[in-house]
C-alpha atoms as a PDB file:
ATOM      1  CA  MET A   1     137.401  48.634  66.158  1.00  0.00           C
ATOM      2  CA  LYS A   2     138.561  49.840  62.776  1.00  0.00           C
ATOM      3  CA  LYS A   3     137.554  46.535  61.180  1.00  0.00           C
ATOM      4  CA  LEU A   4     134.067  46.980  62.682  1.00  0.00           C
ATOM      5  CA  HIS A   5     134.077  50.692  61.715  1.00  0.00           C
ATOM      6  CA  ILE A   6     133.378  51.817  65.289  1.00  0.00           C
ATOM      7  CA  ARG A   7     135.051  55.191  65.736  1.00  0.00           C
ATOM      8  CA  ARG A   8     135.897  56.772  69.082  1.00  0.00           C
ATOM      9  CA  THR A   9     133.625  59.685  68.152  1.00  0.00           C
ATOM     10  CA  ASP A  10     130.580  57.545  67.289  1.00  0.00           C
ATOM     11  CA  THR A  11     127.540  57.281  69.501  1.00  0.00           C
ATOM     12  CA  ILE A  12     127.844  53.731  70.797  1.00  0.00           C
ATOM     13  CA  ILE A  13     124.660  52.148  72.132  1.00  0.00           C
ATOM     14  CA  LEU A  14     125.060  48.882  74.005  1.00  0.00           C
ATOM     15  CA  TYR A  15     122.548  46.394  75.329  1.00  0.00           C
ATOM     16  CA  ASP A  16     122.678  43.085  77.106  1.00  0.00           C
ATOM     17  CA  PRO A  17     120.770  40.180  75.574  1.00  0.00           C
ATOM     18  CA  ASN A  18     120.312  38.679  79.048  1.00  0.00           C
ATOM     19  CA  PRO A  19     116.544  38.947  79.723  1.00  0.00           C
ATOM     20  CA  ALA A  20     117.168  39.161  83.471  1.00  0.00           C
ATOM     21  CA  GLY A  21     118.934  42.480  83.061  1.00  0.00           C
ATOM     22  CA  LEU A  22     122.432  43.857  82.823  1.00  0.00           C
ATOM     23  CA  PHE A  23     125.221  41.349  82.789  1.00  0.00           C
ATOM     24  CA  SER A  24     128.321  42.145  80.749  1.00  0.00           C
ATOM     25  CA  VAL A  25     127.183  45.331  79.042  1.00  0.00           C
ATOM     26  CA  CYS A  26     128.454  47.518  81.890  1.00  0.00           C
ATOM     27  CA  ARG A  27     131.942  46.095  81.486  1.00  0.00           C
ATOM     28  CA  ILE A  28     131.855  46.739  77.744  1.00  0.00           C
ATOM     29  CA  ALA A  29     130.730  50.339  78.315  1.00  0.00           C
ATOM     30  CA  LEU A  30     133.586  50.837  80.780  1.00  0.00           C
ATOM     31  CA  MET A  31     136.096  49.453  78.283  1.00  0.00           C
ATOM     32  CA  PHE A  32     134.896  51.811  75.544  1.00  0.00           C
ATOM     33  CA  ARG A  33     135.184  54.777  77.927  1.00  0.00           C
ATOM     34  CA  TYR A  34     138.576  53.608  79.223  1.00  0.00           C
ATOM     35  CA  PHE A  35     139.926  53.627  75.676  1.00  0.00           C
ATOM     36  CA  GLY A  36     138.561  57.059  74.795  1.00  0.00           C
ATOM     37  CA  SER A  37     134.961  56.808  73.589  1.00  0.00           C
ATOM     38  CA  GLN A  38     133.006  59.748  74.960  1.00  0.00           C
ATOM     39  CA  ASN A  39     129.472  58.943  73.831  1.00  0.00           C
ATOM     40  CA  VAL A  40     128.714  55.451  75.142  1.00  0.00           C
ATOM     41  CA  ARG A  41     125.180  54.592  76.238  1.00  0.00           C
ATOM     42  CA  ILE A  42     123.454  51.517  77.680  1.00  0.00           C
ATOM     43  CA  LEU A  43     119.996  50.785  76.306  1.00  0.00           C
ATOM     44  CA  ASN A  44     117.509  51.045  79.189  1.00  0.00           C
ATOM     45  CA  GLY A  45     115.418  47.883  79.252  1.00  0.00           C
ATOM     46  CA  GLY A  46     117.585  46.109  76.719  1.00  0.00           C
ATOM     47  CA  LEU A  47     116.633  44.724  73.345  1.00  0.00           C
ATOM     48  CA  LYS A  48     113.463  43.121  74.703  1.00  0.00           C
ATOM     49  CA  LYS A  49     112.018  46.511  75.673  1.00  0.00           C
ATOM     50  CA  TRP A  50     113.211  48.069  72.416  1.00  0.00           C
ATOM     51  CA  ILE A  51     111.329  45.452  70.404  1.00  0.00           C
ATOM     52  CA  SER A  52     108.217  45.627  72.631  1.00  0.00           C
ATOM     53  CA  GLU A  53     108.043  49.379  71.905  1.00  0.00           C
ATOM     54  CA  GLY A  54     107.976  48.634  68.177  1.00  0.00           C
ATOM     55  CA  ARG A  55     111.314  50.273  67.493  1.00  0.00           C
ATOM     56  CA  PRO A  56     113.281  49.389  64.336  1.00  0.00           C
ATOM     57  CA  THR A  57     115.625  46.423  64.237  1.00  0.00           C
ATOM     58  CA  PHE A  58     117.812  44.869  61.571  1.00  0.00           C
ATOM     59  CA  SER A  59     117.983  41.230  60.646  1.00  0.00           C
ATOM     60  CA  GLY A  60     120.071  39.561  58.021  1.00  0.00           C
ATOM     61  CA  ALA A  61     123.621  38.569  57.356  1.00  0.00           C
ATOM     62  CA  TYR A  62     126.179  40.328  59.526  1.00  0.00           C
ATOM     63  CA  VAL A  63     128.983  42.049  57.680  1.00  0.00           C
ATOM     64  CA  PRO A  64     131.659  43.552  59.973  1.00  0.00           C
ATOM     65  CA  GLY A  65     131.501  47.289  59.470  1.00  0.00           C
ATOM     66  CA  GLY A  66     128.674  46.915  56.979  1.00  0.00           C
ATOM     67  CA  SER A  67     127.791  50.228  55.382  1.00  0.00           C
ATOM     68  CA  LEU A  68     129.471  52.268  58.119  1.00  0.00           C
ATOM     69  CA  GLU A  69     132.120  54.782  57.100  1.00  0.00           C
ATOM     70  CA  SER A  70     135.689  53.495  57.236  1.00  0.00           C
ATOM     71  CA  ASP A  71     137.294  56.938  57.706  1.00  0.00           C
ATOM     72  CA  GLY A  72     137.426  58.584  61.105  1.00  0.00           C
ATOM     73  CA  ASP A  73     139.045  58.555  64.537  1.00  0.00           C
ATOM     74  CA  TYR A  74     140.076  55.018  65.435  1.00  0.00           C
ATOM     75  CA  ASN A  75     142.805  56.181  67.790  1.00  0.00           C
ATOM     76  CA  TYR A  76     141.657  54.162  70.783  1.00  0.00           C
ATOM     77  CA  CYS A  77     144.071  54.597  73.654  1.00  0.00           C
ATOM     78  CA  VAL A  78     143.907  54.735  77.445  1.00  0.00           C
ATOM     79  CA  VAL A  79     142.745  58.213  78.386  1.00  0.00           C
ATOM     80  CA  ASN A  80     142.296  57.781  82.131  1.00  0.00           C
ATOM     81  CA  GLU A  81     144.027  54.856  83.748  1.00  0.00           C
ATOM     82  CA  ASN A  82     142.345  55.699  87.073  1.00  0.00           C
ATOM     83  CA  LEU A  83     138.990  54.400  85.773  1.00  0.00           C
ATOM     84  CA  PHE A  84     139.941  50.901  86.876  1.00  0.00           C
ATOM     85  CA  VAL A  85     140.208  49.909  90.508  1.00  0.00           C
ATOM     86  CA  LYS A  86     143.757  48.825  91.235  1.00  0.00           C
ATOM     87  CA  ASP A  87     143.416  47.926  94.885  1.00  0.00           C
ATOM     88  CA  ILE A  88     140.753  45.578  96.266  1.00  0.00           C
ATOM     89  CA  SER A  89     140.707  47.578  99.505  1.00  0.00           C
ATOM     90  CA  ILE A  90     139.092  50.440  97.546  1.00  0.00           C
ATOM     91  CA  VAL A  91     136.241  48.105  96.584  1.00  0.00           C
ATOM     92  CA  HIS A  92     135.928  46.824 100.165  1.00  0.00           C
ATOM     93  CA  ASN A  93     135.842  50.357 101.587  1.00  0.00           C
ATOM     94  CA  ALA A  94     133.212  51.467  99.072  1.00  0.00           C
ATOM     95  CA  ALA A  95     131.033  48.422  99.836  1.00  0.00           C
ATOM     96  CA  HIS A  96     131.412  49.059 103.563  1.00  0.00           C
ATOM     97  CA  GLU A  97     130.338  52.684 103.181  1.00  0.00           C
ATOM     98  CA  ILE A  98     127.350  51.737 101.016  1.00  0.00           C
ATOM     99  CA  PHE A  99     126.288  48.934 103.362  1.00  0.00           C
ATOM    100  CA  ASN A 100     126.504  51.221 106.408  1.00  0.00           C
ATOM    101  CA  GLY A 101     124.474  53.964 104.740  1.00  0.00           C
ATOM    102  CA  SER A 102     127.299  56.452 104.433  1.00  0.00           C
ATOM    103  CA  THR A 103     126.705  59.260 101.950  1.00  0.00           C
ATOM    104  CA  GLY A 104     130.421  59.645 101.298  1.00  0.00           C
ATOM    105  CA  ILE A 105     130.178  57.869  97.947  1.00  0.00           C
END
C-alpha cells in the first residue's frame, strides 16, 4: 500500500468494473477494513453510473502512487480477526435464518 501511497487513514473509494454489479469489490473493501482502514466506501452504481452523471474521471498513464503524498500511516495490520468467518457452520446457520425469514440477523 505504501508503494501505491494508500494510507490507512485515507478515504478509499472502490468500484467494480463489472457492468452487472458488484463482484469482487466487496471482498476488497473487507480486506481494507480487516487490515485497519476505517473510511472505505463502495461506489453506488459503479463507474458506469459515475460517468453517466458527468462526474470527473482521469485518463492517462498510470503511475503507482502518482502525486499522492508518500508520508502517512501505512501501518496496515489485522485489527479485528473476527471479521472473517472461520467456521462454515456460521455461514450455513446465517443462510438458514435468512431463508426462513428469521429477524435474528
